[in-house]
Each structure stands twice: as C-alpha cells, then as structure tokens.
C-alpha cells in the first residue's frame, strides 16, 4: 500500500477552506423582501381592490379557513404566550409581568411588601 503525504501548506489550505465553509453567512431570500413576489402581488391586489391574485400564496391547507378561524388561532396563541411567560417568570424567580413592572403602584391601591 502506498502512503500519501500531504504538505503542511496543503493541510493548512484544506483546513482553511473547511473553516470558511462553516462560517455563518447572511441569507437573503428574495420572497422575504419588499420587492419580492408576495409583496409585489399584494400591492397590485390593493391597487385593483381584488384579492384574487394574492390567493396563489395561500397554502391549500388554509384555503377553507375564515376570519373566525384566524381569531380563534390568535386567541389560543395569546393564551399560550401568557402561559409560557408565566413558566419563565416562575423559573427565573421574577414576580411580576413585564407590564406590571412599569407601574409605580398596583391598580388595586395596595402594595406588597
């Protein structure tokens, strides 16, 4: 069996390229920009006062949903966020909600010592 030897420069080069490939780089998705296809279609739909062109961006699984379903989702999401925030406050030992910490006195007129 023949033994392959790599030079120090080759090893440094391969290591450098490998590390460069692992570096995080910014990602620019065209769809997420203000000149992307979704926003462009939405602007055109607003100008024409016709929502039909925008419907191509709605996933088929959401096609039958309506405003009531959206409101139900938002209500459930808000409850979940408050639950998660309560868990965080309990775990970190903080005793107040972020909105309450901005007040100088509780609304009920009494203070906790």
PDB file of N, CA and C in Angstrom:
ATOM      1  N   UNK A   1       0.835  -1.172   0.000  1.00  0.00           N
ATOM      2  CA  UNK A   1       0.000   0.000   0.000  1.00  0.00           C
ATOM      3  C   UNK A   1       0.883   1.240   0.000  1.00  0.00           C
ATOM      4  N   UNK A   2       0.530   2.169  -0.820  1.00  0.00           N
ATOM      5  CA  UNK A   2       1.321   3.374  -0.952  1.00  0.00           C
ATOM      6  C   UNK A   2       0.854   4.427   0.049  1.00  0.00           C
ATOM      7  N   UNK A   3       1.758   5.046   0.691  1.00  0.00           N
ATOM      8  CA  UNK A   3       1.437   6.069   1.689  1.00  0.00           C
ATOM      9  C   UNK A   3       1.452   7.451   1.036  1.00  0.00           C
ATOM     10  N   UNK A   4       0.354   8.204   1.266  1.00  0.00           N
ATOM     11  CA  UNK A   4       0.231   9.543   0.691  1.00  0.00           C
ATOM     12  C   UNK A   4       0.641  10.553   1.745  1.00  0.00           C
ATOM     13  N   UNK A   5       1.492  11.479   1.355  1.00  0.00           N
ATOM     14  CA  UNK A   5       1.935  12.517   2.282  1.00  0.00           C
ATOM     15  C   UNK A   5       1.426  13.866   1.808  1.00  0.00           C
ATOM     16  N   UNK A   6       0.883  14.612   2.742  1.00  0.00           N
ATOM     17  CA  UNK A   6       0.403  15.954   2.445  1.00  0.00           C
ATOM     18  C   UNK A   6       1.382  16.967   3.013  1.00  0.00           C
ATOM     19  N   UNK A   7       1.607  18.002   2.288  1.00  0.00           N
ATOM     20  CA  UNK A   7       2.487  19.048   2.788  1.00  0.00           C
ATOM     21  C   UNK A   7       1.746  19.883   3.826  1.00  0.00           C
ATOM     22  N   UNK A   8       2.485  20.600   4.621  1.00  0.00           N
ATOM     23  CA  UNK A   8       1.901  21.455   5.643  1.00  0.00           C
ATOM     24  C   UNK A   8       1.030  22.523   4.995  1.00  0.00           C
ATOM     25  N   UNK A   9       1.473  23.069   3.900  1.00  0.00           N
ATOM     26  CA  UNK A   9       0.705  24.108   3.206  1.00  0.00           C
ATOM     27  C   UNK A   9      -0.627  23.545   2.706  1.00  0.00           C
ATOM     28  N   UNK A  10      -0.623  22.319   2.205  1.00  0.00           N
ATOM     29  CA  UNK A  10      -1.860  21.707   1.720  1.00  0.00           C
ATOM     30  C   UNK A  10      -2.825  21.480   2.877  1.00  0.00           C
ATOM     31  N   UNK A  11      -2.320  21.030   4.002  1.00  0.00           N
ATOM     32  CA  UNK A  11      -3.171  20.793   5.170  1.00  0.00           C
ATOM     33  C   UNK A  11      -3.769  22.103   5.687  1.00  0.00           C
ATOM     34  N   UNK A  12      -2.959  23.154   5.712  1.00  0.00           N
ATOM     35  CA  UNK A  12      -3.452  24.456   6.147  1.00  0.00           C
ATOM     36  C   UNK A  12      -4.519  24.958   5.171  1.00  0.00           C
ATOM     37  N   UNK A  13      -4.295  24.768   3.895  1.00  0.00           N
ATOM     38  CA  UNK A  13      -5.264  25.193   2.882  1.00  0.00           C
ATOM     39  C   UNK A  13      -6.581  24.455   3.012  1.00  0.00           C
ATOM     40  N   UNK A  14      -6.525  23.144   3.181  1.00  0.00           N
ATOM     41  CA  UNK A  14      -7.749  22.346   3.314  1.00  0.00           C
ATOM     42  C   UNK A  14      -8.487  22.732   4.593  1.00  0.00           C
ATOM     43  N   UNK A  15      -7.768  22.918   5.672  1.00  0.00           N
ATOM     44  CA  UNK A  15      -8.379  23.326   6.938  1.00  0.00           C
ATOM     45  C   UNK A  15      -9.010  24.709   6.810  1.00  0.00           C
ATOM     46  N   UNK A  16      -8.311  25.626   6.145  1.00  0.00           N
ATOM     47  CA  UNK A  16      -8.841  26.975   5.960  1.00  0.00           C
ATOM     48  C   UNK A  16     -10.125  26.984   5.152  1.00  0.00           C
ATOM     49  N   UNK A  17     -10.160  26.220   4.073  1.00  0.00           N
ATOM     50  CA  UNK A  17     -11.369  26.141   3.250  1.00  0.00           C
ATOM     51  C   UNK A  17     -12.513  25.522   4.055  1.00  0.00           C
ATOM     52  N   UNK A  18     -12.196  24.483   4.818  1.00  0.00           N
ATOM     53  CA  UNK A  18     -13.225  23.850   5.650  1.00  0.00           C
ATOM     54  C   UNK A  18     -13.808  24.812   6.670  1.00  0.00           C
ATOM     55  N   UNK A  19     -12.967  25.581   7.325  1.00  0.00           N
ATOM     56  CA  UNK A  19     -13.441  26.561   8.299  1.00  0.00           C
ATOM     57  C   UNK A  19     -14.234  27.665   7.623  1.00  0.00           C
ATOM     58  N   UNK A  20     -13.796  28.096   6.448  1.00  0.00           N
ATOM     59  CA  UNK A  20     -14.523  29.143   5.716  1.00  0.00           C
ATOM     60  C   UNK A  20     -15.935  28.676   5.365  1.00  0.00           C
ATOM     61  N   UNK A  21     -16.070  27.405   4.998  1.00  0.00           N
ATOM     62  CA  UNK A  21     -17.386  26.869   4.663  1.00  0.00           C
ATOM     63  C   UNK A  21     -18.307  26.819   5.879  1.00  0.00           C
ATOM     64  N   UNK A  22     -17.743  26.715   7.069  1.00  0.00           N
ATOM     65  CA  UNK A  22     -18.541  26.648   8.288  1.00  0.00           C
ATOM     66  C   UNK A  22     -18.945  28.012   8.835  1.00  0.00           C
ATOM     67  N   UNK A  23     -18.337  29.075   8.334  1.00  0.00           N
ATOM     68  CA  UNK A  23     -18.672  30.409   8.830  1.00  0.00           C
ATOM     69  C   UNK A  23     -20.103  30.776   8.461  1.00  0.00           C
ATOM     70  N   UNK A  24     -20.816  31.410   9.391  1.00  0.00           N
ATOM     71  CA  UNK A  24     -22.185  31.837   9.071  1.00  0.00           C
ATOM     72  C   UNK A  24     -22.167  32.987   8.078  1.00  0.00           C
ATOM     73  N   UNK A  25     -23.069  32.924   7.146  1.00  0.00           N
ATOM     74  CA  UNK A  25     -23.200  33.980   6.144  1.00  0.00           C
ATOM     75  C   UNK A  25     -24.645  34.450   6.109  1.00  0.00           C
ATOM     76  N   UNK A  26     -24.861  35.737   5.848  1.00  0.00           N
ATOM     77  CA  UNK A  26     -26.244  36.219   5.771  1.00  0.00           C
ATOM     78  C   UNK A  26     -26.972  35.594   4.588  1.00  0.00           C
ATOM     79  N   UNK A  27     -28.221  35.301   4.805  1.00  0.00           N
ATOM     80  CA  UNK A  27     -29.044  34.709   3.761  1.00  0.00           C
ATOM     81  C   UNK A  27     -30.068  35.743   3.337  1.00  0.00           C
ATOM     82  N   UNK A  28     -30.220  35.924   2.062  1.00  0.00           N
ATOM     83  CA  UNK A  28     -31.193  36.890   1.557  1.00  0.00           C
ATOM     84  C   UNK A  28     -32.200  36.157   0.680  1.00  0.00           C
ATOM     85  N   UNK A  29     -33.341  35.872   1.246  1.00  0.00           N
ATOM     86  CA  UNK A  29     -34.395  35.217   0.479  1.00  0.00           C
ATOM     87  C   UNK A  29     -35.181  36.281  -0.265  1.00  0.00           C
ATOM     88  N   UNK A  30     -35.319  36.124  -1.544  1.00  0.00           N
ATOM     89  CA  UNK A  30     -35.998  37.116  -2.378  1.00  0.00           C
ATOM     90  C   UNK A  30     -37.462  37.272  -1.973  1.00  0.00           C
ATOM     91  N   UNK A  31     -38.094  36.190  -1.553  1.00  0.00           N
ATOM     92  CA  UNK A  31     -39.517  36.242  -1.197  1.00  0.00           C
ATOM     93  C   UNK A  31     -39.769  37.081   0.050  1.00  0.00           C
ATOM     94  N   UNK A  32     -38.760  37.244   0.889  1.00  0.00           N
ATOM     95  CA  UNK A  32     -38.930  37.959   2.148  1.00  0.00           C
ATOM     96  C   UNK A  32     -38.664  39.452   2.040  1.00  0.00           C
ATOM     97  N   UNK A  33     -38.361  39.950   0.857  1.00  0.00           N
ATOM     98  CA  UNK A  33     -38.048  41.358   0.716  1.00  0.00           C
ATOM     99  C   UNK A  33     -39.275  42.141   0.252  1.00  0.00           C
ATOM    100  N   UNK A  34     -39.181  43.449   0.365  1.00  0.00           N
ATOM    101  CA  UNK A  34     -40.305  44.285  -0.044  1.00  0.00           C
ATOM    102  C   UNK A  34     -40.511  44.308  -1.552  1.00  0.00           C
ATOM    103  N   UNK A  35     -39.507  43.902  -2.311  1.00  0.00           N
ATOM    104  CA  UNK A  35     -39.694  43.812  -3.756  1.00  0.00           C
ATOM    105  C   UNK A  35     -39.863  42.365  -4.204  1.00  0.00           C
ATOM    106  N   UNK A  36     -40.113  41.482  -3.251  1.00  0.00           N
ATOM    107  CA  UNK A  36     -40.336  40.069  -3.551  1.00  0.00           C
ATOM    108  C   UNK A  36     -41.707  39.836  -4.170  1.00  0.00           C
ATOM    109  N   UNK A  37     -41.957  38.630  -4.616  1.00  0.00           N
ATOM    110  CA  UNK A  37     -43.200  38.340  -5.333  1.00  0.00           C
ATOM    111  C   UNK A  37     -44.461  38.458  -4.479  1.00  0.00           C
ATOM    112  N   UNK A  38     -44.388  38.132  -3.213  1.00  0.00           N
ATOM    113  CA  UNK A  38     -45.588  38.189  -2.369  1.00  0.00           C
ATOM    114  C   UNK A  38     -46.016  39.645  -2.162  1.00  0.00           C
ATOM    115  N   UNK A  39     -45.065  40.494  -1.800  1.00  0.00           N
ATOM    116  CA  UNK A  39     -45.389  41.900  -1.557  1.00  0.00           C
ATOM    117  C   UNK A  39     -45.814  42.586  -2.852  1.00  0.00           C
ATOM    118  N   UNK A  40     -45.133  42.285  -3.948  1.00  0.00           N
ATOM    119  CA  UNK A  40     -45.495  42.873  -5.236  1.00  0.00           C
ATOM    120  C   UNK A  40     -46.925  42.498  -5.622  1.00  0.00           C
ATOM    121  N   UNK A  41     -47.268  41.229  -5.437  1.00  0.00           N
ATOM    122  CA  UNK A  41     -48.626  40.773  -5.743  1.00  0.00           C
ATOM    123  C   UNK A  41     -49.644  41.437  -4.820  1.00  0.00           C
ATOM    124  N   UNK A  42     -49.293  41.578  -3.550  1.00  0.00           N
ATOM    125  CA  UNK A  42     -50.209  42.204  -2.590  1.00  0.00           C
ATOM    126  C   UNK A  42     -50.447  43.673  -2.931  1.00  0.00           C
ATOM    127  N   UNK A  43     -49.399  44.381  -3.324  1.00  0.00           N
ATOM    128  CA  UNK A  43     -49.562  45.788  -3.705  1.00  0.00           C
ATOM    129  C   UNK A  43     -50.471  45.915  -4.924  1.00  0.00           C
ATOM    130  N   UNK A  44     -50.276  45.035  -5.909  1.00  0.00           N
ATOM    131  CA  UNK A  44     -51.119  45.068  -7.106  1.00  0.00           C
ATOM    132  C   UNK A  44     -52.572  44.757  -6.745  1.00  0.00           C
ATOM    133  N   UNK A  45     -52.786  43.812  -5.852  1.00  0.00           N
ATOM    134  CA  UNK A  45     -54.141  43.450  -5.429  1.00  0.00           C
ATOM    135  C   UNK A  45     -54.817  44.612  -4.713  1.00  0.00           C
ATOM    136  N   UNK A  46     -54.056  45.351  -3.909  1.00  0.00           N
ATOM    137  CA  UNK A  46     -54.619  46.514  -3.217  1.00  0.00           C
ATOM    138  C   UNK A  46     -55.011  47.609  -4.202  1.00  0.00           C
ATOM    139  N   UNK A  47     -54.154  47.821  -5.187  1.00  0.00           N
ATOM    140  CA  UNK A  47     -54.455  48.846  -6.188  1.00  0.00           C
ATOM    141  C   UNK A  47     -55.711  48.499  -6.982  1.00  0.00           C
ATOM    142  N   UNK A  48     -55.867  47.222  -7.335  1.00  0.00           N
ATOM    143  CA  UNK A  48     -57.016  46.777  -8.128  1.00  0.00           C
ATOM    144  C   UNK A  48     -58.242  46.482  -7.252  1.00  0.00           C
ATOM    145  N   UNK A  49     -58.034  46.490  -5.942  1.00  0.00           N
ATOM    146  CA  UNK A  49     -59.088  46.135  -4.984  1.00  0.00           C
ATOM    147  C   UNK A  49     -59.662  44.747  -5.285  1.00  0.00           C
ATOM    148  N   UNK A  50     -58.730  43.828  -5.596  1.00  0.00           N
ATOM    149  CA  UNK A  50     -59.098  42.442  -5.904  1.00  0.00           C
ATOM    150  C   UNK A  50     -58.083  41.521  -5.241  1.00  0.00           C
ATOM    151  N   UNK A  51     -58.540  40.705  -4.312  1.00  0.00           N
ATOM    152  CA  UNK A  51     -57.664  39.834  -3.538  1.00  0.00           C
ATOM    153  C   UNK A  51     -57.279  38.554  -4.292  1.00  0.00           C
ATOM    154  N   UNK A  52     -57.915  38.272  -5.382  1.00  0.00           N
ATOM    155  CA  UNK A  52     -57.707  37.011  -6.104  1.00  0.00           C
ATOM    156  C   UNK A  52     -56.244  36.712  -6.419  1.00  0.00           C
ATOM    157  N   UNK A  53     -55.429  37.666  -6.914  1.00  0.00           N
ATOM    158  CA  UNK A  53     -54.029  37.330  -7.220  1.00  0.00           C
ATOM    159  C   UNK A  53     -53.223  36.876  -6.001  1.00  0.00           C
ATOM    160  N   UNK A  54     -53.587  37.352  -4.816  1.00  0.00           N
ATOM    161  CA  UNK A  54     -52.837  37.008  -3.601  1.00  0.00           C
ATOM    162  C   UNK A  54     -53.133  35.576  -3.154  1.00  0.00           C
ATOM    163  N   UNK A  55     -54.275  35.053  -3.560  1.00  0.00           N
ATOM    164  CA  UNK A  55     -54.676  33.718  -3.112  1.00  0.00           C
ATOM    165  C   UNK A  55     -53.716  32.624  -3.565  1.00  0.00           C
ATOM    166  N   UNK A  56     -52.919  32.894  -4.591  1.00  0.00           N
ATOM    167  CA  UNK A  56     -51.955  31.876  -5.018  1.00  0.00           C
ATOM    168  C   UNK A  56     -50.873  31.640  -3.965  1.00  0.00           C
ATOM    169  N   UNK A  57     -50.702  32.575  -3.032  1.00  0.00           N
ATOM    170  CA  UNK A  57     -49.704  32.425  -1.978  1.00  0.00           C
ATOM    171  C   UNK A  57     -50.294  31.774  -0.725  1.00  0.00           C
ATOM    172  N   UNK A  58     -51.591  31.543  -0.690  1.00  0.00           N
ATOM    173  CA  UNK A  58     -52.226  30.885   0.449  1.00  0.00           C
ATOM    174  C   UNK A  58     -52.093  29.381   0.256  1.00  0.00           C
ATOM    175  N   UNK A  59     -51.574  28.703   1.267  1.00  0.00           N
ATOM    176  CA  UNK A  59     -51.419  27.253   1.173  1.00  0.00           C
ATOM    177  C   UNK A  59     -52.785  26.587   1.128  1.00  0.00           C
ATOM    178  N   UNK A  60     -52.866  25.512   0.402  1.00  0.00           N
ATOM    179  CA  UNK A  60     -54.153  24.828   0.226  1.00  0.00           C
ATOM    180  C   UNK A  60     -54.748  24.375   1.546  1.00  0.00           C
ATOM    181  N   UNK A  61     -53.910  24.043   2.525  1.00  0.00           N
ATOM    182  CA  UNK A  61     -54.454  23.587   3.811  1.00  0.00           C
ATOM    183  C   UNK A  61     -55.167  24.711   4.555  1.00  0.00           C
ATOM    184  N   UNK A  62     -54.886  25.978   4.182  1.00  0.00           N
ATOM    185  CA  UNK A  62     -55.538  27.119   4.821  1.00  0.00           C
ATOM    186  C   UNK A  62     -56.663  27.714   3.971  1.00  0.00           C
ATOM    187  N   UNK A  63     -56.889  27.162   2.801  1.00  0.00           N
ATOM    188  CA  UNK A  63     -57.832  27.760   1.854  1.00  0.00           C
ATOM    189  C   UNK A  63     -59.251  27.837   2.403  1.00  0.00           C
ATOM    190  N   UNK A  64     -59.699  26.860   3.173  1.00  0.00           N
ATOM    191  CA  UNK A  64     -61.067  26.851   3.680  1.00  0.00           C
ATOM    192  C   UNK A  64     -61.256  27.614   4.976  1.00  0.00           C
ATOM    193  N   UNK A  65     -60.170  28.161   5.514  1.00  0.00           N
ATOM    194  CA  UNK A  65     -60.270  28.861   6.785  1.00  0.00           C
ATOM    195  C   UNK A  65     -60.840  30.265   6.581  1.00  0.00           C
ATOM    196  N   UNK A  66     -61.385  30.810   7.644  1.00  0.00           N
ATOM    197  CA  UNK A  66     -62.005  32.123   7.549  1.00  0.00           C
ATOM    198  C   UNK A  66     -61.531  33.016   8.687  1.00  0.00           C
ATOM    199  N   UNK A  67     -62.109  34.173   8.801  1.00  0.00           N
ATOM    200  CA  UNK A  67     -61.719  35.134   9.835  1.00  0.00           C
ATOM    201  C   UNK A  67     -61.950  34.563  11.229  1.00  0.00           C
ATOM    202  N   UNK A  68     -63.046  33.866  11.423  1.00  0.00           N
ATOM    203  CA  UNK A  68     -63.334  33.286  12.745  1.00  0.00           C
ATOM    204  C   UNK A  68     -62.246  32.294  13.143  1.00  0.00           C
ATOM    205  N   UNK A  69     -61.791  31.491  12.191  1.00  0.00           N
ATOM    206  CA  UNK A  69     -60.717  30.527  12.485  1.00  0.00           C
ATOM    207  C   UNK A  69     -59.422  31.260  12.828  1.00  0.00           C
ATOM    208  N   UNK A  70     -59.153  32.366  12.136  1.00  0.00           N
ATOM    209  CA  UNK A  70     -57.964  33.155  12.432  1.00  0.00           C
ATOM    210  C   UNK A  70     -58.012  33.763  13.818  1.00  0.00           C
ATOM    211  N   UNK A  71     -59.184  34.275  14.180  1.00  0.00           N
ATOM    212  CA  UNK A  71     -59.339  34.858  15.515  1.00  0.00           C
ATOM    213  C   UNK A  71     -59.198  33.800  16.598  1.00  0.00           C
ATOM    214  N   UNK A  72     -59.732  32.623  16.338  1.00  0.00           N
ATOM    215  CA  UNK A  72     -59.606  31.513  17.291  1.00  0.00           C
ATOM    216  C   UNK A  72     -58.140  31.146  17.482  1.00  0.00           C
ATOM    217  N   UNK A  73     -57.390  31.125  16.382  1.00  0.00           N
ATOM    218  CA  UNK A  73     -55.959  30.819  16.459  1.00  0.00           C
ATOM    219  C   UNK A  73     -55.230  31.875  17.282  1.00  0.00           C
ATOM    220  N   UNK A  74     -55.505  33.155  17.009  1.00  0.00           N
ATOM    221  CA  UNK A  74     -54.830  34.239  17.729  1.00  0.00           C
ATOM    222  C   UNK A  74     -55.145  34.168  19.224  1.00  0.00           C
ATOM    223  N   UNK A  75     -56.395  33.893  19.565  1.00  0.00           N
ATOM    224  CA  UNK A  75     -56.775  33.789  20.972  1.00  0.00           C
ATOM    225  C   UNK A  75     -56.003  32.663  21.659  1.00  0.00           C
ATOM    226  N   UNK A  76     -55.914  31.512  20.994  1.00  0.00           N
ATOM    227  CA  UNK A  76     -55.175  30.386  21.561  1.00  0.00           C
ATOM    228  C   UNK A  76     -53.690  30.711  21.663  1.00  0.00           C
ATOM    229  N   UNK A  77     -53.164  31.428  20.683  1.00  0.00           N
ATOM    230  CA  UNK A  77     -51.746  31.787  20.688  1.00  0.00           C
ATOM    231  C   UNK A  77     -51.434  32.739  21.838  1.00  0.00           C
ATOM    232  N   UNK A  78     -52.296  33.716  22.077  1.00  0.00           N
ATOM    233  CA  UNK A  78     -52.081  34.663  23.173  1.00  0.00           C
ATOM    234  C   UNK A  78     -52.104  33.924  24.511  1.00  0.00           C
ATOM    235  N   UNK A  79     -53.045  32.995  24.671  1.00  0.00           N
ATOM    236  CA  UNK A  79     -53.090  32.207  25.908  1.00  0.00           C
ATOM    237  C   UNK A  79     -51.806  31.409  26.085  1.00  0.00           C
ATOM    238  N   UNK A  80     -51.320  30.832  24.997  1.00  0.00           N
ATOM    239  CA  UNK A  80     -50.083  30.055  25.060  1.00  0.00           C
ATOM    240  C   UNK A  80     -48.897  30.933  25.446  1.00  0.00           C
ATOM    241  N   UNK A  81     -48.799  32.118  24.843  1.00  0.00           N
ATOM    242  CA  UNK A  81     -47.686  33.018  25.142  1.00  0.00           C
ATOM    243  C   UNK A  81     -47.727  33.431  26.608  1.00  0.00           C
ATOM    244  N   UNK A  82     -48.905  33.732  27.130  1.00  0.00           N
ATOM    245  CA  UNK A  82     -49.008  34.100  28.548  1.00  0.00           C
ATOM    246  C   UNK A  82     -48.636  32.922  29.441  1.00  0.00           C
ATOM    247  N   UNK A  83     -49.019  31.715  29.053  1.00  0.00           N
ATOM    248  CA  UNK A  83     -48.649  30.519  29.815  1.00  0.00           C
ATOM    249  C   UNK A  83     -47.132  30.347  29.814  1.00  0.00           C
ATOM    250  N   UNK A  84     -46.519  30.470  28.638  1.00  0.00           N
ATOM    251  CA  UNK A  84     -45.063  30.319  28.531  1.00  0.00           C
ATOM    252  C   UNK A  84     -44.350  31.402  29.320  1.00  0.00           C
ATOM    253  N   UNK A  85     -44.886  32.625  29.294  1.00  0.00           N
ATOM    254  CA  UNK A  85     -44.295  33.715  30.058  1.00  0.00           C
ATOM    255  C   UNK A  85     -44.402  33.429  31.559  1.00  0.00           C
ATOM    256  N   UNK A  86     -45.538  32.871  31.996  1.00  0.00           N
ATOM    257  CA  UNK A  86     -45.696  32.511  33.403  1.00  0.00           C
ATOM    258  C   UNK A  86     -44.697  31.454  33.833  1.00  0.00           C
ATOM    259  N   UNK A  87     -44.463  30.469  32.959  1.00  0.00           N
ATOM    260  CA  UNK A  87     -43.444  29.454  33.259  1.00  0.00           C
ATOM    261  C   UNK A  87     -42.067  30.081  33.380  1.00  0.00           C
ATOM    262  N   UNK A  88     -41.752  30.993  32.483  1.00  0.00           N
ATOM    263  CA  UNK A  88     -40.456  31.675  32.527  1.00  0.00           C
ATOM    264  C   UNK A  88     -40.300  32.469  33.824  1.00  0.00           C
ATOM    265  N   UNK A  89     -41.343  33.227  34.174  1.00  0.00           N
ATOM    266  CA  UNK A  89     -41.272  34.025  35.398  1.00  0.00           C
ATOM    267  C   UNK A  89     -41.127  33.140  36.629  1.00  0.00           C
ATOM    268  N   UNK A  90     -41.821  32.007  36.636  1.00  0.00           N
ATOM    269  CA  UNK A  90     -41.713  31.086  37.761  1.00  0.00           C
ATOM    270  C   UNK A  90     -40.314  30.468  37.835  1.00  0.00           C
ATOM    271  N   UNK A  91     -39.749  30.157  36.681  1.00  0.00           N
ATOM    272  CA  UNK A  91     -38.427  29.529  36.646  1.00  0.00           C
ATOM    273  C   UNK A  91     -37.313  30.501  37.003  1.00  0.00           C
ATOM    274  N   UNK A  92     -37.475  31.773  36.646  1.00  0.00           N
ATOM    275  CA  UNK A  92     -36.419  32.753  36.915  1.00  0.00           C
ATOM    276  C   UNK A  92     -36.594  33.459  38.242  1.00  0.00           C
ATOM    277  N   UNK A  93     -37.730  33.255  38.895  1.00  0.00           N
ATOM    278  CA  UNK A  93     -37.954  33.878  40.186  1.00  0.00           C
ATOM    279  C   UNK A  93     -38.475  35.299  40.108  1.00  0.00           C
ATOM    280  N   UNK A  94     -38.760  35.770  38.917  1.00  0.00           N
ATOM    281  CA  UNK A  94     -39.332  37.110  38.786  1.00  0.00           C
ATOM    282  C   UNK A  94     -40.787  37.041  39.213  1.00  0.00           C
ATOM    283  N   UNK A  95     -41.244  38.099  39.868  1.00  0.00           N
ATOM    284  CA  UNK A  95     -42.588  38.028  40.442  1.00  0.00           C
ATOM    285  C   UNK A  95     -43.623  38.845  39.692  1.00  0.00           C
ATOM    286  N   UNK A  96     -43.221  39.628  38.712  1.00  0.00           N
ATOM    287  CA  UNK A  96     -44.187  40.477  38.034  1.00  0.00           C
ATOM    288  C   UNK A  96     -44.165  40.249  36.536  1.00  0.00           C
ATOM    289  N   UNK A  97     -45.269  40.556  35.937  1.00  0.00           N
ATOM    290  CA  UNK A  97     -45.418  40.556  34.493  1.00  0.00           C
ATOM    291  C   UNK A  97     -44.728  41.812  33.976  1.00  0.00           C
ATOM    292  N   UNK A  98     -44.209  41.798  32.766  1.00  0.00           N
ATOM    293  CA  UNK A  98     -43.469  42.951  32.259  1.00  0.00           C
ATOM    294  C   UNK A  98     -44.298  44.234  32.280  1.00  0.00           C
ATOM    295  N   UNK A  99     -45.584  44.164  32.042  1.00  0.00           N
ATOM    296  CA  UNK A  99     -46.429  45.368  32.059  1.00  0.00           C
ATOM    297  C   UNK A  99     -46.594  45.891  33.479  1.00  0.00           C
ATOM    298  N   UNK A 100     -46.669  44.996  34.466  1.00  0.00           N
ATOM    299  CA  UNK A 100     -46.847  45.415  35.845  1.00  0.00           C
ATOM    300  C   UNK A 100     -45.584  46.054  36.405  1.00  0.00           C
ATOM    301  N   UNK A 101     -44.425  45.664  35.916  1.00  0.00           N
ATOM    302  CA  UNK A 101     -43.177  46.209  36.445  1.00  0.00           C
ATOM    303  C   UNK A 101     -43.001  47.669  36.073  1.00  0.00           C
ATOM    304  N   UNK A 102     -43.729  48.148  35.049  1.00  0.00           N
ATOM    305  CA  UNK A 102     -43.626  49.534  34.630  1.00  0.00           C
ATOM    306  C   UNK A 102     -44.494  50.456  35.480  1.00  0.00           C
ATOM    307  N   UNK A 103     -45.435  49.905  36.224  1.00  0.00           N
ATOM    308  CA  UNK A 103     -46.323  50.712  37.050  1.00  0.00           C
ATOM    309  C   UNK A 103     -45.644  51.042  38.373  1.00  0.00           C
ATOM    310  N   UNK A 104     -46.017  52.167  38.928  1.00  0.00           N
ATOM    311  CA  UNK A 104     -45.451  52.523  40.228  1.00  0.00           C
ATOM    312  C   UNK A 104     -46.248  51.898  41.369  1.00  0.00           C
ATOM    313  N   UNK A 105     -47.565  51.769  41.205  1.00  0.00           N
ATOM    314  CA  UNK A 105     -48.423  51.163  42.218  1.00  0.00           C
ATOM    315  C   UNK A 105     -49.399  50.215  41.539  1.00  0.00           C
ATOM    316  N   UNK A 106     -49.768  49.146  42.211  1.00  0.00           N
ATOM    317  CA  UNK A 106     -50.797  48.273  41.656  1.00  0.00           C
ATOM    318  C   UNK A 106     -52.120  49.018  41.547  1.00  0.00           C
ATOM    319  N   UNK A 107     -52.954  48.616  40.576  1.00  0.00           N
ATOM    320  CA  UNK A 107     -54.235  49.295  40.362  1.00  0.00           C
ATOM    321  C   UNK A 107     -55.167  49.158  41.553  1.00  0.00           C
ATOM    322  N   UNK A 108     -55.038  48.093  42.341  1.00  0.00           N
ATOM    323  CA  UNK A 108     -55.961  47.881  43.453  1.00  0.00           C
ATOM    324  C   UNK A 108     -55.715  48.832  44.615  1.00  0.00           C
ATOM    325  N   UNK A 109     -54.608  49.576  44.601  1.00  0.00           N
ATOM    326  CA  UNK A 109     -54.356  50.557  45.632  1.00  0.00           C
ATOM    327  C   UNK A 109     -53.515  50.048  46.794  1.00  0.00           C
ATOM    328  N   UNK A 110     -53.200  48.778  46.818  1.00  0.00           N
ATOM    329  CA  UNK A 110     -52.361  48.283  47.910  1.00  0.00           C
ATOM    330  C   UNK A 110     -51.000  47.873  47.356  1.00  0.00           C
ATOM    331  N   UNK A 111     -50.029  47.838  48.238  1.00  0.00           N
ATOM    332  CA  UNK A 111     -48.666  47.481  47.840  1.00  0.00           C
ATOM    333  C   UNK A 111     -48.243  46.224  48.562  1.00  0.00           C
ATOM    334  N   UNK A 112     -47.442  45.446  47.904  1.00  0.00           N
ATOM    335  CA  UNK A 112     -46.895  44.234  48.530  1.00  0.00           C
ATOM    336  C   UNK A 112     -45.532  44.565  49.112  1.00  0.00           C
ATOM    337  N   UNK A 113     -45.303  44.085  50.299  1.00  0.00           N
ATOM    338  CA  UNK A 113     -44.041  44.349  50.991  1.00  0.00           C
ATOM    339  C   UNK A 113     -43.120  43.180  50.835  1.00  0.00           C
TER     340      UNK A 113
END
